[in-house]
C-alpha atoms as a PDB file:
ATOM      1  CA  MET A   1    -188.485  37.764 171.736  1.00  0.00           C
ATOM      2  CA  PRO A   2    -190.147  36.862 168.193  1.00  0.00           C
ATOM      3  CA  ALA A   3    -187.927  36.487 165.300  1.00  0.00           C
ATOM      4  CA  GLU A   4    -190.098  38.100 162.742  1.00  0.00           C
ATOM      5  CA  MET A   5    -189.226  41.442 161.373  1.00  0.00           C
ATOM      6  CA  TYR A   6    -191.295  44.277 162.687  1.00  0.00           C
ATOM      7  CA  GLN A   7    -193.408  46.564 160.255  1.00  0.00           C
ATOM      8  CA  ILE A   8    -192.760  50.139 160.961  1.00  0.00           C
ATOM      9  CA  SER A   9    -194.836  51.774 158.270  1.00  0.00           C
ATOM     10  CA  SER A  10    -198.043  50.862 156.690  1.00  0.00           C
ATOM     11  CA  THR A  11    -197.511  53.303 153.735  1.00  0.00           C
ATOM     12  CA  PRO A  12    -194.239  54.492 152.081  1.00  0.00           C
ATOM     13  CA  PRO A  13    -193.014  58.075 152.728  1.00  0.00           C
ATOM     14  CA  PRO A  14    -194.185  60.831 150.266  1.00  0.00           C
ATOM     15  CA  GLY A  15    -192.509  60.551 147.002  1.00  0.00           C
ATOM     16  CA  VAL A  16    -191.355  56.883 147.443  1.00  0.00           C
ATOM     17  CA  PRO A  17    -192.967  54.403 144.983  1.00  0.00           C
ATOM     18  CA  GLY A  18    -194.483  51.294 146.081  1.00  0.00           C
ATOM     19  CA  ARG A  19    -192.707  49.177 143.343  1.00  0.00           C
ATOM     20  CA  PRO A  20    -188.946  49.680 142.674  1.00  0.00           C
ATOM     21  CA  THR A  21    -187.829  50.592 139.195  1.00  0.00           C
ATOM     22  CA  THR A  22    -186.936  47.989 136.659  1.00  0.00           C
ATOM     23  CA  ALA A  23    -183.281  48.633 137.026  1.00  0.00           C
ATOM     24  CA  ASN A  24    -183.173  48.094 140.818  1.00  0.00           C
ATOM     25  CA  GLU A  25    -186.019  45.539 141.114  1.00  0.00           C
ATOM     26  CA  HIS A  26    -183.739  42.461 140.963  1.00  0.00           C
ATOM     27  CA  VAL A  27    -181.203  44.043 143.437  1.00  0.00           C
ATOM     28  CA  ILE A  28    -183.820  44.993 145.929  1.00  0.00           C
ATOM     29  CA  ALA A  29    -185.237  41.416 145.903  1.00  0.00           C
ATOM     30  CA  ALA A  30    -181.805  40.165 146.468  1.00  0.00           C
ATOM     31  CA  ILE A  31    -181.119  42.314 149.334  1.00  0.00           C
ATOM     32  CA  GLU A  32    -184.421  41.517 151.022  1.00  0.00           C
ATOM     33  CA  ARG A  33    -183.759  37.816 150.522  1.00  0.00           C
ATOM     34  CA  HIS A  34    -180.360  38.303 152.118  1.00  0.00           C
ATOM     35  CA  HIS A  35    -182.009  40.250 155.004  1.00  0.00           C
ATOM     36  CA  ALA A  36    -184.630  37.516 155.605  1.00  0.00           C
ATOM     37  CA  MET A  37    -181.694  34.940 155.587  1.00  0.00           C
ATOM     38  CA  LEU A  38    -179.902  36.978 158.245  1.00  0.00           C
ATOM     39  CA  ALA A  39    -183.085  37.356 160.315  1.00  0.00           C
ATOM     40  CA  ASP A  40    -183.733  33.588 160.191  1.00  0.00           C
ATOM     41  CA  GLU A  41    -180.140  32.819 161.264  1.00  0.00           C
ATOM     42  CA  LEU A  42    -180.350  35.325 164.115  1.00  0.00           C
ATOM     43  CA  GLY A  43    -183.728  34.019 165.229  1.00  0.00           C
ATOM     44  CA  GLY A  44    -182.227  30.447 165.404  1.00  0.00           C
ATOM     45  CA  LEU A  45    -179.220  31.352 167.293  1.00  0.00           C
ATOM     46  CA  THR A  46    -181.016  33.750 169.793  1.00  0.00           C
ATOM     47  CA  ALA A  47    -183.682  30.991 170.371  1.00  0.00           C
ATOM     48  CA  ARG A  48    -181.056  28.560 171.428  1.00  0.00           C
ATOM     49  CA  VAL A  49    -179.461  31.175 173.792  1.00  0.00           C
ATOM     50  CA  LEU A  50    -182.725  31.918 175.448  1.00  0.00           C
ATOM     51  CA  ASP A  51    -183.610  28.170 175.951  1.00  0.00           C
ATOM     52  CA  HIS A  52    -180.086  27.381 177.206  1.00  0.00           C
ATOM     53  CA  ALA A  53    -180.125  30.380 179.610  1.00  0.00           C
ATOM     54  CA  ARG A  54    -183.306  29.196 181.137  1.00  0.00           C
ATOM     55  CA  ALA A  55    -181.597  25.758 181.876  1.00  0.00           C
ATOM     56  CA  GLY A  56    -178.440  27.627 183.233  1.00  0.00           C
ATOM     57  CA  ASP A  57    -176.235  26.182 180.556  1.00  0.00           C
ATOM     58  CA  TYR A  58    -175.743  28.935 177.883  1.00  0.00           C
ATOM     59  CA  GLU A  59    -172.068  29.209 177.352  1.00  0.00           C
ATOM     60  CA  ALA A  60    -171.839  27.340 173.989  1.00  0.00           C
ATOM     61  CA  SER A  61    -174.937  28.902 172.461  1.00  0.00           C
ATOM     62  CA  ARG A  62    -173.819  32.403 173.757  1.00  0.00           C
ATOM     63  CA  ALA A  63    -170.372  31.916 172.193  1.00  0.00           C
ATOM     64  CA  ALA A  64    -172.020  30.821 168.866  1.00  0.00           C
ATOM     65  CA  LEU A  65    -174.342  33.958 168.742  1.00  0.00           C
ATOM     66  CA  VAL A  66    -171.399  36.330 169.683  1.00  0.00           C
ATOM     67  CA  THR A  67    -169.279  34.670 166.774  1.00  0.00           C
ATOM     68  CA  TRP A  68    -172.029  34.868 164.337  1.00  0.00           C
ATOM     69  CA  PHE A  69    -172.398  38.715 165.204  1.00  0.00           C
ATOM     70  CA  THR A  70    -168.778  39.206 164.961  1.00  0.00           C
ATOM     71  CA  LEU A  71    -167.978  37.387 161.813  1.00  0.00           C
ATOM     72  CA  ASP A  72    -171.160  37.689 159.875  1.00  0.00           C
ATOM     73  CA  LEU A  73    -173.409  40.474 160.948  1.00  0.00           C
ATOM     74  CA  LEU A  74    -171.183  43.341 162.005  1.00  0.00           C
ATOM     75  CA  PRO A  75    -168.865  43.099 158.992  1.00  0.00           C
ATOM     76  CA  HIS A  76    -171.881  42.971 156.687  1.00  0.00           C
ATOM     77  CA  ALA A  77    -173.241  46.121 158.543  1.00  0.00           C
ATOM     78  CA  GLN A  78    -169.720  47.932 157.950  1.00  0.00           C
ATOM     79  CA  ALA A  79    -169.745  46.908 154.362  1.00  0.00           C
ATOM     80  CA  GLU A  80    -173.336  48.250 153.781  1.00  0.00           C
ATOM     81  CA  GLU A  81    -172.244  51.611 155.375  1.00  0.00           C
ATOM     82  CA  VAL A  82    -169.681  51.960 152.767  1.00  0.00           C
ATOM     83  CA  ALA A  83    -171.402  50.710 149.835  1.00  0.00           C
ATOM     84  CA  LEU A  84    -174.992  51.661 150.451  1.00  0.00           C
ATOM     85  CA  TYR A  85    -175.404  54.084 153.296  1.00  0.00           C
ATOM     86  CA  SER A  86    -172.711  56.468 151.638  1.00  0.00           C
ATOM     87  CA  ALA A  87    -175.248  57.088 148.868  1.00  0.00           C
ATOM     88  CA  GLY A  88    -178.124  57.792 151.236  1.00  0.00           C
ATOM     89  CA  ALA A  89    -175.873  60.110 153.280  1.00  0.00           C
ATOM     90  CA  GLU A  90    -175.675  62.343 150.340  1.00  0.00           C
ATOM     91  CA  LEU A  91    -179.380  62.850 149.793  1.00  0.00           C
ATOM     92  CA  GLU A  92    -181.337  65.293 151.681  1.00  0.00           C
ATOM     93  CA  ALA A  93    -184.348  63.106 151.962  1.00  0.00           C
ATOM     94  CA  THR A  94    -182.460  60.186 153.554  1.00  0.00           C
ATOM     95  CA  ARG A  95    -179.433  62.035 155.297  1.00  0.00           C
ATOM     96  CA  LEU A  96    -181.165  61.741 158.847  1.00  0.00           C
ATOM     97  CA  LEU A  97    -182.502  58.230 158.143  1.00  0.00           C
ATOM     98  CA  VAL A  98    -178.994  57.022 157.336  1.00  0.00           C
ATOM     99  CA  ALA A  99    -177.347  58.745 160.431  1.00  0.00           C
ATOM    100  CA  GLY A 100    -179.858  57.005 162.556  1.00  0.00           C
ATOM    101  CA  MET A 101    -179.269  53.726 161.022  1.00  0.00           C
ATOM    102  CA  VAL A 102    -175.440  54.151 161.417  1.00  0.00           C
ATOM    103  CA  ALA A 103    -176.227  54.851 165.023  1.00  0.00           C
ATOM    104  CA  GLU A 104    -178.239  51.646 165.283  1.00  0.00           C
ATOM    105  CA  HIS A 105    -175.141  49.695 164.044  1.00  0.00           C
ATOM    106  CA  ARG A 106    -173.047  51.102 166.893  1.00  0.00           C
ATOM    107  CA  ALA A 107    -175.745  50.278 169.432  1.00  0.00           C
ATOM    108  CA  LEU A 108    -175.881  46.769 168.028  1.00  0.00           C
ATOM    109  CA  ALA A 109    -172.046  46.255 168.479  1.00  0.00           C
ATOM    110  CA  ALA A 110    -172.413  47.509 172.104  1.00  0.00           C
ATOM    111  CA  LEU A 111    -175.100  44.953 172.641  1.00  0.00           C
ATOM    112  CA  VAL A 112    -172.914  42.308 171.299  1.00  0.00           C
ATOM    113  CA  ALA A 113    -170.109  43.265 173.585  1.00  0.00           C
ATOM    114  CA  ALA A 114    -172.527  43.355 176.427  1.00  0.00           C
ATOM    115  CA  LEU A 115    -173.714  39.841 175.503  1.00  0.00           C
ATOM    116  CA  ASP A 116    -170.128  38.668 175.333  1.00  0.00           C
ATOM    117  CA  ALA A 117    -169.318  40.049 178.769  1.00  0.00           C
ATOM    118  CA  ALA A 118    -172.674  38.907 180.527  1.00  0.00           C
ATOM    119  CA  ALA A 119    -172.054  36.729 183.375  1.00  0.00           C
ATOM    120  CA  ASP A 120    -175.465  35.480 184.465  1.00  0.00           C
ATOM    121  CA  PRO A 121    -178.667  34.018 182.555  1.00  0.00           C
ATOM    122  CA  VAL A 122    -180.547  37.283 183.074  1.00  0.00           C
ATOM    123  CA  SER A 123    -178.077  39.527 181.507  1.00  0.00           C
ATOM    124  CA  VAL A 124    -177.343  36.952 178.711  1.00  0.00           C
ATOM    125  CA  THR A 125    -181.082  36.816 177.999  1.00  0.00           C
ATOM    126  CA  ALA A 126    -181.607  40.516 177.971  1.00  0.00           C
ATOM    127  CA  ALA A 127    -178.673  41.298 175.721  1.00  0.00           C
ATOM    128  CA  ALA A 128    -179.557  38.546 173.250  1.00  0.00           C
ATOM    129  CA  ALA A 129    -183.324  39.555 173.092  1.00  0.00           C
ATOM    130  CA  ALA A 130    -182.333  43.256 172.852  1.00  0.00           C
ATOM    131  CA  ALA A 131    -179.854  42.582 169.929  1.00  0.00           C
ATOM    132  CA  GLN A 132    -182.482  40.651 168.029  1.00  0.00           C
ATOM    133  CA  ALA A 133    -185.207  43.254 168.542  1.00  0.00           C
ATOM    134  CA  LEU A 134    -182.949  46.182 167.404  1.00  0.00           C
ATOM    135  CA  PHE A 135    -181.779  44.177 164.347  1.00  0.00           C
ATOM    136  CA  SER A 136    -185.466  43.359 163.313  1.00  0.00           C
ATOM    137  CA  VAL A 137    -186.417  47.051 163.569  1.00  0.00           C
ATOM    138  CA  HIS A 138    -183.108  48.023 161.540  1.00  0.00           C
ATOM    139  CA  LEU A 139    -184.005  45.610 158.695  1.00  0.00           C
ATOM    140  CA  ALA A 140    -187.393  47.048 158.371  1.00  0.00           C
ATOM    141  CA  LYS A 141    -186.133  50.610 158.162  1.00  0.00           C
ATOM    142  CA  GLU A 142    -183.768  49.512 155.395  1.00  0.00           C
ATOM    143  CA  ASN A 143    -186.261  47.322 153.501  1.00  0.00           C
ATOM    144  CA  GLU A 144    -189.344  49.782 153.801  1.00  0.00           C
ATOM    145  CA  LEU A 145    -187.691  53.170 153.888  1.00  0.00           C
ATOM    146  CA  LEU A 146    -184.078  53.429 152.739  1.00  0.00           C
ATOM    147  CA  LEU A 147    -184.040  51.010 149.822  1.00  0.00           C
ATOM    148  CA  PRO A 148    -187.265  52.569 148.197  1.00  0.00           C
ATOM    149  CA  ALA A 149    -186.026  56.118 148.832  1.00  0.00           C
ATOM    150  CA  LEU A 150    -182.708  55.347 147.158  1.00  0.00           C
ATOM    151  CA  ASP A 151    -184.422  53.777 144.176  1.00  0.00           C
ATOM    152  CA  SER A 152    -186.848  56.888 143.908  1.00  0.00           C
ATOM    153  CA  ALA A 153    -183.731  59.021 143.817  1.00  0.00           C
ATOM    154  CA  GLY A 154    -182.319  57.083 140.839  1.00  0.00           C
ATOM    155  CA  VAL A 155    -179.582  55.475 142.730  1.00  0.00           C
ATOM    156  CA  ASP A 156    -177.991  52.367 140.922  1.00  0.00           C
ATOM    157  CA  LEU A 157    -178.112  49.882 143.657  1.00  0.00           C
ATOM    158  CA  GLY A 158    -176.253  47.191 141.642  1.00  0.00           C
ATOM    159  CA  ALA A 159    -173.463  49.429 141.094  1.00  0.00           C
ATOM    160  CA  ALA A 160    -173.429  50.637 144.720  1.00  0.00           C
ATOM    161  CA  LEU A 161    -173.173  47.008 146.086  1.00  0.00           C
ATOM    162  CA  ASP A 162    -170.901  45.620 143.192  1.00  0.00           C
ATOM    163  CA  GLY A 163    -168.693  43.042 144.852  1.00  0.00           C
ATOM    164  CA  MET A 164    -170.928  42.131 147.762  1.00  0.00           C
ATOM    165  CA  ARG A 165    -171.557  38.703 146.602  1.00  0.00           C
ATOM    166  CA  ALA A 166    -173.203  37.732 150.045  1.00  0.00           C
ATOM    167  CA  ILE A 167    -175.934  40.168 149.117  1.00  0.00           C
ATOM    168  CA  LEU A 168    -176.237  39.982 145.330  1.00  0.00           C
ATOM    169  CA  GLY A 169    -175.727  36.135 145.172  1.00  0.00           C
ATOM    170  CA  ASP A 170    -173.444  34.080 143.129  1.00  0.00           C
ATOM    171  CA  ASP A 171    -174.719  30.739 141.987  1.00  0.00           C
ATOM    172  CA  HIS A 172    -171.207  29.463 141.060  1.00  0.00           C
ATOM    173  CA  GLU A 173    -169.396  30.449 144.202  1.00  0.00           C
ATOM    174  CA  PRO A 174    -171.197  29.253 147.535  1.00  0.00           C
ATOM    175  CA  ASP A 175    -170.763  31.155 150.615  1.00  0.00           C
ATOM    176  CA  GLU A 176    -167.861  29.916 152.853  1.00  0.00           C
ATOM    177  CA  LEU A 177    -167.752  29.421 156.652  1.00  0.00           C
ATOM    178  CA  ASP A 178    -164.184  28.961 157.811  1.00  0.00           C
ATOM    179  CA  VAL A 179    -164.723  27.013 161.071  1.00  0.00           C
ATOM    180  CA  ARG A 180    -161.123  27.343 162.073  1.00  0.00           C
ATOM    181  CA  THR A 181    -161.781  30.980 163.047  1.00  0.00           C
ATOM    182  CA  LEU A 182    -164.699  29.993 165.430  1.00  0.00           C
ATOM    183  CA  PRO A 183    -164.155  29.216 169.011  1.00  0.00           C
ATOM    184  CA  HIS A 184    -164.301  25.306 169.797  1.00  0.00           C
ATOM    185  CA  GLY A 185    -167.083  25.575 172.016  1.00  0.00           C
ATOM    186  CA  GLY A 186    -169.453  27.193 169.674  1.00  0.00           C
ATOM    187  CA  ARG A 187    -168.473  25.793 166.388  1.00  0.00           C
ATOM    188  CA  HIS A 188    -171.354  23.324 165.900  1.00  0.00           C
ATOM    189  CA  GLU A 189    -173.996  25.859 167.175  1.00  0.00           C
ATOM    190  CA  VAL A 190    -172.936  28.179 164.378  1.00  0.00           C
ATOM    191  CA  ILE A 191    -172.944  25.607 161.784  1.00  0.00           C
ATOM    192  CA  PHE A 192    -176.270  24.181 162.932  1.00  0.00           C
ATOM    193  CA  GLY A 193    -177.796  27.802 162.798  1.00  0.00           C
ATOM    194  CA  ARG A 194    -176.624  28.073 159.203  1.00  0.00           C
ATOM    195  CA  LEU A 195    -177.876  24.558 158.236  1.00  0.00           C
ATOM    196  CA  ASP A 196    -181.201  25.361 159.778  1.00  0.00           C
ATOM    197  CA  SER A 197    -181.788  28.463 157.869  1.00  0.00           C
ATOM    198  CA  LEU A 198    -180.836  26.982 154.455  1.00  0.00           C
ATOM    199  CA  ALA A 199    -183.811  27.053 151.853  1.00  0.00           C
ATOM    200  CA  PRO A 200    -184.086  24.033 149.617  1.00  0.00           C
ATOM    201  CA  GLY A 201    -181.518  24.201 147.029  1.00  0.00           C
ATOM    202  CA  ALA A 202    -179.292  26.619 148.782  1.00  0.00           C
ATOM    203  CA  SER A 203    -175.773  25.884 150.125  1.00  0.00           C
ATOM    204  CA  PHE A 204    -172.619  27.058 151.797  1.00  0.00           C
ATOM    205  CA  THR A 205    -169.131  25.601 152.119  1.00  0.00           C
ATOM    206  CA  ILE A 206    -167.381  24.938 155.401  1.00  0.00           C
ATOM    207  CA  VAL A 207    -163.514  25.096 155.365  1.00  0.00           C
ATOM    208  CA  ASN A 208    -161.622  23.160 158.148  1.00  0.00           C
ATOM    209  CA  ASP A 209    -158.336  21.771 158.748  1.00  0.00           C
ATOM    210  CA  HIS A 210    -159.531  18.183 159.263  1.00  0.00           C
ATOM    211  CA  ASP A 211    -162.364  16.001 157.753  1.00  0.00           C
ATOM    212  CA  PRO A 212    -165.590  16.974 159.405  1.00  0.00           C
ATOM    213  CA  LEU A 213    -166.967  13.521 159.579  1.00  0.00           C
ATOM    214  CA  PRO A 214    -168.171  13.931 163.247  1.00  0.00           C
ATOM    215  CA  LEU A 215    -170.164  16.831 162.197  1.00  0.00           C
ATOM    216  CA  ARG A 216    -171.686  15.115 159.238  1.00  0.00           C
ATOM    217  CA  TYR A 217    -172.674  12.086 161.451  1.00  0.00           C
ATOM    218  CA  GLN A 218    -174.247  14.528 164.012  1.00  0.00           C
ATOM    219  CA  THR A 219    -176.157  16.462 161.301  1.00  0.00           C
ATOM    220  CA  GLU A 220    -177.572  13.362 159.637  1.00  0.00           C
ATOM    221  CA  ALA A 221    -178.789  12.374 163.079  1.00  0.00           C
ATOM    222  CA  MET A 222    -180.466  15.602 163.606  1.00  0.00           C
ATOM    223  CA  TRP A 223    -181.889  15.921 159.934  1.00  0.00           C
ATOM    224  CA  PRO A 224    -182.003  12.666 158.228  1.00  0.00           C
ATOM    225  CA  ASP A 225    -181.697  13.064 154.330  1.00  0.00           C
ATOM    226  CA  ARG A 226    -182.031  16.764 154.466  1.00  0.00           C
ATOM    227  CA  PHE A 227    -178.490  17.738 153.434  1.00  0.00           C
ATOM    228  CA  VAL A 228    -176.083  16.658 150.601  1.00  0.00           C
ATOM    229  CA  TRP A 229    -172.324  16.825 151.443  1.00  0.00           C
ATOM    230  CA  THR A 230    -169.966  17.253 148.384  1.00  0.00           C
ATOM    231  CA  TYR A 231    -166.118  17.435 149.051  1.00  0.00           C
ATOM    232  CA  ARG A 232    -164.608  20.242 147.024  1.00  0.00           C
ATOM    233  CA  GLN A 233    -161.059  19.723 148.759  1.00  0.00           C
ATOM    234  CA  SER A 234    -159.978  16.834 150.803  1.00  0.00           C
ATOM    235  CA  GLY A 235    -156.748  17.745 152.657  1.00  0.00           C
ATOM    236  CA  PRO A 236    -154.064  17.115 153.536  1.00  0.00           C
ATOM    237  CA  GLU A 237    -154.249  20.566 155.236  1.00  0.00           C
ATOM    238  CA  ILE A 238    -157.593  21.976 154.088  1.00  0.00           C
ATOM    239  CA  TRP A 239    -160.828  20.545 153.604  1.00  0.00           C
ATOM    240  CA  ARG A 240    -163.667  22.288 151.927  1.00  0.00           C
ATOM    241  CA  VAL A 241    -167.091  20.691 152.042  1.00  0.00           C
ATOM    242  CA  GLU A 242    -170.050  22.133 150.283  1.00  0.00           C
ATOM    243  CA  ILE A 243    -173.448  21.373 152.075  1.00  0.00           C
ATOM    244  CA  THR A 244    -176.676  21.656 150.108  1.00  0.00           C
ATOM    245  CA  CYS A 245    -180.329  21.571 151.460  1.00  0.00           C
ATOM    246  CA  ALA A 246    -181.928  19.066 149.501  1.00  0.00           C
ATOM    247  CA  ALA A 247    -185.352  19.284 151.020  1.00  0.00           C
END
C-alpha cells in the first residue's frame, strides 16, 4: 500500500477559499507539517511490517506499529476531537464531515486492535495496509476539507489547538519518546521509524532507565554521521538523550 496521502478533491467545496486567512495561515501550515510527519512515520513502520510478513517474521515490526498507533496516533486523534473537531461539529457546513471523521477514528482503532490480534501473515498484512489507507484518506479530508472550512468560518485554529505542542511545534522543548513504555520486542523498530522520518535539523528526545549506548551504536552503523546525540540527563535513574538529524 503506498504511503503517499490520497487526494480526495480537485477543487475546494463552495465557499471555502483556496488560501487560509492570515490569522490561521501559520497554524494550518504547522498542522499540515505534523500530518506529513505522521504519514511518513506510519509509512515506514507499515513498510517494515509488510516486508517482514512476507518473510514470516513480523512479530517485532507488528508490535512496533501497534505501539506507535497506541502511544502516538490514537491519542493525537482523541486530542483533535476535543480541540478541533468540536468546533466543526457546531457548524452546519462541517457537522456531517466531522461526524464521519470521528467514525473513521473509531474504525482506525478497530483496525489497530485487529492488527494486534492477527495470528498469520495474511491477516497482519491486511490490517496494516487497511489502517494506512484509512489514515491517508482521513488526513486528506482534514487538510483539504475541514481545515479550510473552519478557517472560512472564522474559527481561531491557534486558540482551538492551544497546548497541543506536538501539532503547533515548540523549538525549545523537543518531542519526547519514553521508551520505558514500549514493549521490549518493538522498541528499536519504533525508534528507527522516528529517526528515519526526521527532517534535517529536527529532533526528539528518548527517555530511558539506562544509557542507550547499544541503540546509538546500532543507529550509527545504519546511518553513519546522520544523527547528533546530546545527553540532557545522565542517570542514575533516568537518561534523556536528544537526537537531532544533522543531514
